[in-house]
């Protein structure tokens, strides 16, 4: 040993082992259970795809595919109709706004005082008196058709 160096030695189960390779656990070999010849033949029958099962499976897959395609077509049609309804609602709102604007222009163009002046001064019209007014009750509130003369009020 060189002069001035000291070494410490540790012993026991707490000693750290350097560069150790872990031991591999032994591989367990699984034993195949013994099967009888009859069980093995039954398993082969179950695992085999015979023609009837294949046809049944193909029919089922075909029906499932057709159902999915039909569902997608209906969904696309509903989506298209929803878009059409939305476009029509936008057009309806636009037309209603245009109609309201036109109505407002017409109402603002009419001068009611001028109409009253012409009717009373130039055409000689007057408001009716109370005995000239006849009230009529109708089941329809929007219009009345007159088929004969209105009787005189007493």
C-alpha atoms as a PDB file:
ATOM      1  CA  UNK A   1       0.000   0.000   0.000  1.00  0.00           C
ATOM      2  CA  UNK A   2       1.205   3.468  -0.793  1.00  0.00           C
ATOM      3  CA  UNK A   3       2.005   5.709   2.052  1.00  0.00           C
ATOM      4  CA  UNK A   4      -0.855   7.993   3.241  1.00  0.00           C
ATOM      5  CA  UNK A   5      -3.783   5.937   1.843  1.00  0.00           C
ATOM      6  CA  UNK A   6      -6.160   4.046   3.984  1.00  0.00           C
ATOM      7  CA  UNK A   7      -8.759   1.526   2.988  1.00  0.00           C
ATOM      8  CA  UNK A   8     -11.928   0.683   4.837  1.00  0.00           C
ATOM      9  CA  UNK A   9     -13.382  -2.771   4.685  1.00  0.00           C
ATOM     10  CA  UNK A  10     -17.158  -3.419   5.209  1.00  0.00           C
ATOM     11  CA  UNK A  11     -18.565  -6.840   5.774  1.00  0.00           C
ATOM     12  CA  UNK A  12     -22.079  -8.169   6.178  1.00  0.00           C
ATOM     13  CA  UNK A  13     -25.436  -8.058   4.392  1.00  0.00           C
ATOM     14  CA  UNK A  14     -25.399  -4.247   4.023  1.00  0.00           C
ATOM     15  CA  UNK A  15     -22.375  -4.247   1.760  1.00  0.00           C
ATOM     16  CA  UNK A  16     -23.102  -2.775  -1.642  1.00  0.00           C
ATOM     17  CA  UNK A  17     -22.122  -5.044  -4.451  1.00  0.00           C
ATOM     18  CA  UNK A  18     -20.673  -3.324  -7.486  1.00  0.00           C
ATOM     19  CA  UNK A  19     -21.270  -4.415 -11.077  1.00  0.00           C
ATOM     20  CA  UNK A  20     -23.335  -7.415 -10.229  1.00  0.00           C
ATOM     21  CA  UNK A  21     -25.490  -9.197 -12.791  1.00  0.00           C
ATOM     22  CA  UNK A  22     -28.920 -10.229 -11.502  1.00  0.00           C
ATOM     23  CA  UNK A  23     -29.646 -13.888 -11.627  1.00  0.00           C
ATOM     24  CA  UNK A  24     -32.394 -14.860 -14.060  1.00  0.00           C
ATOM     25  CA  UNK A  25     -35.379 -16.634 -12.666  1.00  0.00           C
ATOM     26  CA  UNK A  26     -35.727 -20.118 -14.014  1.00  0.00           C
ATOM     27  CA  UNK A  27     -38.308 -20.392 -16.789  1.00  0.00           C
ATOM     28  CA  UNK A  28     -41.354 -22.368 -15.877  1.00  0.00           C
ATOM     29  CA  UNK A  29     -42.527 -24.802 -18.416  1.00  0.00           C
ATOM     30  CA  UNK A  30     -46.255 -25.082 -18.523  1.00  0.00           C
ATOM     31  CA  UNK A  31     -47.420 -28.594 -18.887  1.00  0.00           C
ATOM     32  CA  UNK A  32     -50.184 -29.147 -21.391  1.00  0.00           C
ATOM     33  CA  UNK A  33     -53.032 -31.010 -19.818  1.00  0.00           C
ATOM     34  CA  UNK A  34     -53.710 -34.272 -21.483  1.00  0.00           C
ATOM     35  CA  UNK A  35     -56.849 -34.251 -23.536  1.00  0.00           C
ATOM     36  CA  UNK A  36     -58.690 -37.237 -24.714  1.00  0.00           C
ATOM     37  CA  UNK A  37     -59.112 -37.949 -28.384  1.00  0.00           C
ATOM     38  CA  UNK A  38     -62.860 -37.192 -28.252  1.00  0.00           C
ATOM     39  CA  UNK A  39     -62.294 -33.766 -26.661  1.00  0.00           C
ATOM     40  CA  UNK A  40     -59.681 -32.926 -29.256  1.00  0.00           C
ATOM     41  CA  UNK A  41     -62.037 -33.897 -32.134  1.00  0.00           C
ATOM     42  CA  UNK A  42     -64.839 -31.779 -30.630  1.00  0.00           C
ATOM     43  CA  UNK A  43     -62.500 -28.810 -30.386  1.00  0.00           C
ATOM     44  CA  UNK A  44     -61.532 -29.231 -34.033  1.00  0.00           C
ATOM     45  CA  UNK A  45     -65.211 -29.304 -35.042  1.00  0.00           C
ATOM     46  CA  UNK A  46     -65.911 -26.111 -33.127  1.00  0.00           C
ATOM     47  CA  UNK A  47     -62.906 -24.359 -34.598  1.00  0.00           C
ATOM     48  CA  UNK A  48     -63.684 -25.382 -38.167  1.00  0.00           C
ATOM     49  CA  UNK A  49     -65.767 -23.008 -40.332  1.00  0.00           C
ATOM     50  CA  UNK A  50     -68.262 -25.028 -42.256  1.00  0.00           C
ATOM     51  CA  UNK A  51     -70.211 -23.676 -45.259  1.00  0.00           C
ATOM     52  CA  UNK A  52     -73.476 -22.959 -43.410  1.00  0.00           C
ATOM     53  CA  UNK A  53     -71.755 -20.924 -40.698  1.00  0.00           C
ATOM     54  CA  UNK A  54     -69.763 -19.016 -43.310  1.00  0.00           C
ATOM     55  CA  UNK A  55     -72.954 -18.194 -45.248  1.00  0.00           C
ATOM     56  CA  UNK A  56     -74.702 -17.117 -42.047  1.00  0.00           C
ATOM     57  CA  UNK A  57     -71.791 -14.888 -41.115  1.00  0.00           C
ATOM     58  CA  UNK A  58     -71.578 -13.381 -44.616  1.00  0.00           C
ATOM     59  CA  UNK A  59     -75.334 -12.682 -44.605  1.00  0.00           C
ATOM     60  CA  UNK A  60     -75.094 -11.012 -41.227  1.00  0.00           C
ATOM     61  CA  UNK A  61     -72.166  -8.847 -42.336  1.00  0.00           C
ATOM     62  CA  UNK A  62     -74.037  -7.898 -45.525  1.00  0.00           C
ATOM     63  CA  UNK A  63     -77.168  -6.932 -43.552  1.00  0.00           C
ATOM     64  CA  UNK A  64     -75.121  -4.905 -41.094  1.00  0.00           C
ATOM     65  CA  UNK A  65     -73.351  -3.095 -43.947  1.00  0.00           C
ATOM     66  CA  UNK A  66     -76.654  -2.342 -45.703  1.00  0.00           C
ATOM     67  CA  UNK A  67     -78.127  -1.031 -42.460  1.00  0.00           C
ATOM     68  CA  UNK A  68     -75.146   1.271 -41.941  1.00  0.00           C
ATOM     69  CA  UNK A  69     -75.331   2.577 -45.515  1.00  0.00           C
ATOM     70  CA  UNK A  70     -79.072   3.163 -45.175  1.00  0.00           C
ATOM     71  CA  UNK A  71     -78.566   4.996 -41.886  1.00  0.00           C
ATOM     72  CA  UNK A  72     -75.885   7.202 -43.427  1.00  0.00           C
ATOM     73  CA  UNK A  73     -78.166   8.051 -46.378  1.00  0.00           C
ATOM     74  CA  UNK A  74     -81.017   9.023 -44.053  1.00  0.00           C
ATOM     75  CA  UNK A  75     -78.662  11.080 -41.903  1.00  0.00           C
ATOM     76  CA  UNK A  76     -77.321  12.895 -44.979  1.00  0.00           C
ATOM     77  CA  UNK A  77     -80.884  13.600 -46.159  1.00  0.00           C
ATOM     78  CA  UNK A  78     -81.849  15.007 -42.748  1.00  0.00           C
ATOM     79  CA  UNK A  79     -78.740  17.183 -42.712  1.00  0.00           C
ATOM     80  CA  UNK A  80     -79.537  18.489 -46.211  1.00  0.00           C
ATOM     81  CA  UNK A  81     -83.128  19.259 -45.211  1.00  0.00           C
ATOM     82  CA  UNK A  82     -81.926  21.051 -42.090  1.00  0.00           C
ATOM     83  CA  UNK A  83     -79.641  23.210 -44.220  1.00  0.00           C
ATOM     84  CA  UNK A  84     -82.533  23.918 -46.632  1.00  0.00           C
ATOM     85  CA  UNK A  85     -84.829  24.929 -43.770  1.00  0.00           C
ATOM     86  CA  UNK A  86     -82.152  27.204 -42.337  1.00  0.00           C
ATOM     87  CA  UNK A  87     -81.660  28.860 -45.746  1.00  0.00           C
ATOM     88  CA  UNK A  88     -85.417  29.327 -46.118  1.00  0.00           C
ATOM     89  CA  UNK A  89     -85.637  30.870 -42.643  1.00  0.00           C
ATOM     90  CA  UNK A  90     -82.910  33.345 -43.570  1.00  0.00           C
ATOM     91  CA  UNK A  91     -84.774  34.198 -46.784  1.00  0.00           C
ATOM     92  CA  UNK A  92     -88.070  34.585 -44.858  1.00  0.00           C
ATOM     93  CA  UNK A  93     -86.433  36.976 -42.377  1.00  0.00           C
ATOM     94  CA  UNK A  94     -84.980  38.973 -45.246  1.00  0.00           C
ATOM     95  CA  UNK A  95     -88.365  39.194 -46.991  1.00  0.00           C
ATOM     96  CA  UNK A  96     -90.107  40.192 -43.756  1.00  0.00           C
ATOM     97  CA  UNK A  97     -87.577  42.990 -43.203  1.00  0.00           C
ATOM     98  CA  UNK A  98     -88.047  44.184 -46.794  1.00  0.00           C
ATOM     99  CA  UNK A  99     -91.850  44.038 -46.370  1.00  0.00           C
ATOM    100  CA  UNK A 100     -91.717  46.015 -43.128  1.00  0.00           C
ATOM    101  CA  UNK A 101     -89.479  48.617 -44.761  1.00  0.00           C
ATOM    102  CA  UNK A 102     -91.840  48.945 -47.762  1.00  0.00           C
ATOM    103  CA  UNK A 103     -94.858  49.258 -45.442  1.00  0.00           C
ATOM    104  CA  UNK A 104     -93.084  51.974 -43.474  1.00  0.00           C
ATOM    105  CA  UNK A 105     -92.247  53.848 -46.693  1.00  0.00           C
ATOM    106  CA  UNK A 106     -95.909  53.681 -47.777  1.00  0.00           C
ATOM    107  CA  UNK A 107     -97.169  54.823 -44.385  1.00  0.00           C
ATOM    108  CA  UNK A 108     -94.761  57.727 -44.281  1.00  0.00           C
ATOM    109  CA  UNK A 109     -95.744  58.751 -47.842  1.00  0.00           C
ATOM    110  CA  UNK A 110     -99.436  59.154 -46.890  1.00  0.00           C
ATOM    111  CA  UNK A 111    -100.368  62.552 -45.466  1.00  0.00           C
ATOM    112  CA  UNK A 112    -103.577  61.986 -43.476  1.00  0.00           C
ATOM    113  CA  UNK A 113    -104.214  65.688 -42.888  1.00  0.00           C
ATOM    114  CA  UNK A 114    -104.138  66.324 -46.647  1.00  0.00           C
ATOM    115  CA  UNK A 115    -106.606  63.463 -47.241  1.00  0.00           C
ATOM    116  CA  UNK A 116    -108.964  64.847 -44.555  1.00  0.00           C
ATOM    117  CA  UNK A 117    -108.746  68.353 -46.026  1.00  0.00           C
ATOM    118  CA  UNK A 118    -109.551  67.180 -49.568  1.00  0.00           C
ATOM    119  CA  UNK A 119    -112.360  64.888 -48.384  1.00  0.00           C
ATOM    120  CA  UNK A 120    -114.129  67.490 -46.240  1.00  0.00           C
ATOM    121  CA  UNK A 121    -113.532  70.717 -48.192  1.00  0.00           C
ATOM    122  CA  UNK A 122    -113.380  69.646 -51.824  1.00  0.00           C
ATOM    123  CA  UNK A 123    -115.562  66.526 -51.814  1.00  0.00           C
ATOM    124  CA  UNK A 124    -118.015  67.641 -49.090  1.00  0.00           C
ATOM    125  CA  UNK A 125    -117.707  64.513 -46.938  1.00  0.00           C
ATOM    126  CA  UNK A 126    -118.770  64.631 -43.269  1.00  0.00           C
ATOM    127  CA  UNK A 127    -118.562  62.228 -40.333  1.00  0.00           C
ATOM    128  CA  UNK A 128    -121.742  60.137 -39.858  1.00  0.00           C
ATOM    129  CA  UNK A 129    -124.119  60.978 -37.022  1.00  0.00           C
ATOM    130  CA  UNK A 130    -124.956  58.450 -34.317  1.00  0.00           C
ATOM    131  CA  UNK A 131    -128.276  57.462 -35.905  1.00  0.00           C
ATOM    132  CA  UNK A 132    -126.514  56.668 -39.205  1.00  0.00           C
ATOM    133  CA  UNK A 133    -124.152  54.073 -37.693  1.00  0.00           C
ATOM    134  CA  UNK A 134    -125.355  50.444 -37.623  1.00  0.00           C
ATOM    135  CA  UNK A 135    -123.272  47.878 -35.745  1.00  0.00           C
ATOM    136  CA  UNK A 136    -123.149  44.374 -37.078  1.00  0.00           C
ATOM    137  CA  UNK A 137    -121.710  41.336 -35.303  1.00  0.00           C
ATOM    138  CA  UNK A 138    -119.990  38.808 -37.505  1.00  0.00           C
ATOM    139  CA  UNK A 139    -118.521  35.400 -36.780  1.00  0.00           C
ATOM    140  CA  UNK A 140    -115.621  36.312 -39.073  1.00  0.00           C
ATOM    141  CA  UNK A 141    -113.596  39.278 -37.941  1.00  0.00           C
ATOM    142  CA  UNK A 142    -111.687  39.959 -41.129  1.00  0.00           C
ATOM    143  CA  UNK A 143    -114.469  40.852 -43.624  1.00  0.00           C
ATOM    144  CA  UNK A 144    -118.232  40.909 -44.234  1.00  0.00           C
ATOM    145  CA  UNK A 145    -119.937  40.139 -47.569  1.00  0.00           C
ATOM    146  CA  UNK A 146    -123.071  42.181 -48.214  1.00  0.00           C
ATOM    147  CA  UNK A 147    -125.713  40.312 -50.244  1.00  0.00           C
ATOM    148  CA  UNK A 148    -128.582  42.817 -49.799  1.00  0.00           C
ATOM    149  CA  UNK A 149    -129.270  46.314 -48.567  1.00  0.00           C
ATOM    150  CA  UNK A 150    -128.797  47.145 -44.903  1.00  0.00           C
ATOM    151  CA  UNK A 151    -132.172  47.771 -43.207  1.00  0.00           C
ATOM    152  CA  UNK A 152    -132.921  51.212 -41.800  1.00  0.00           C
ATOM    153  CA  UNK A 153    -132.370  51.624 -38.043  1.00  0.00           C
ATOM    154  CA  UNK A 154    -135.399  52.650 -35.994  1.00  0.00           C
END
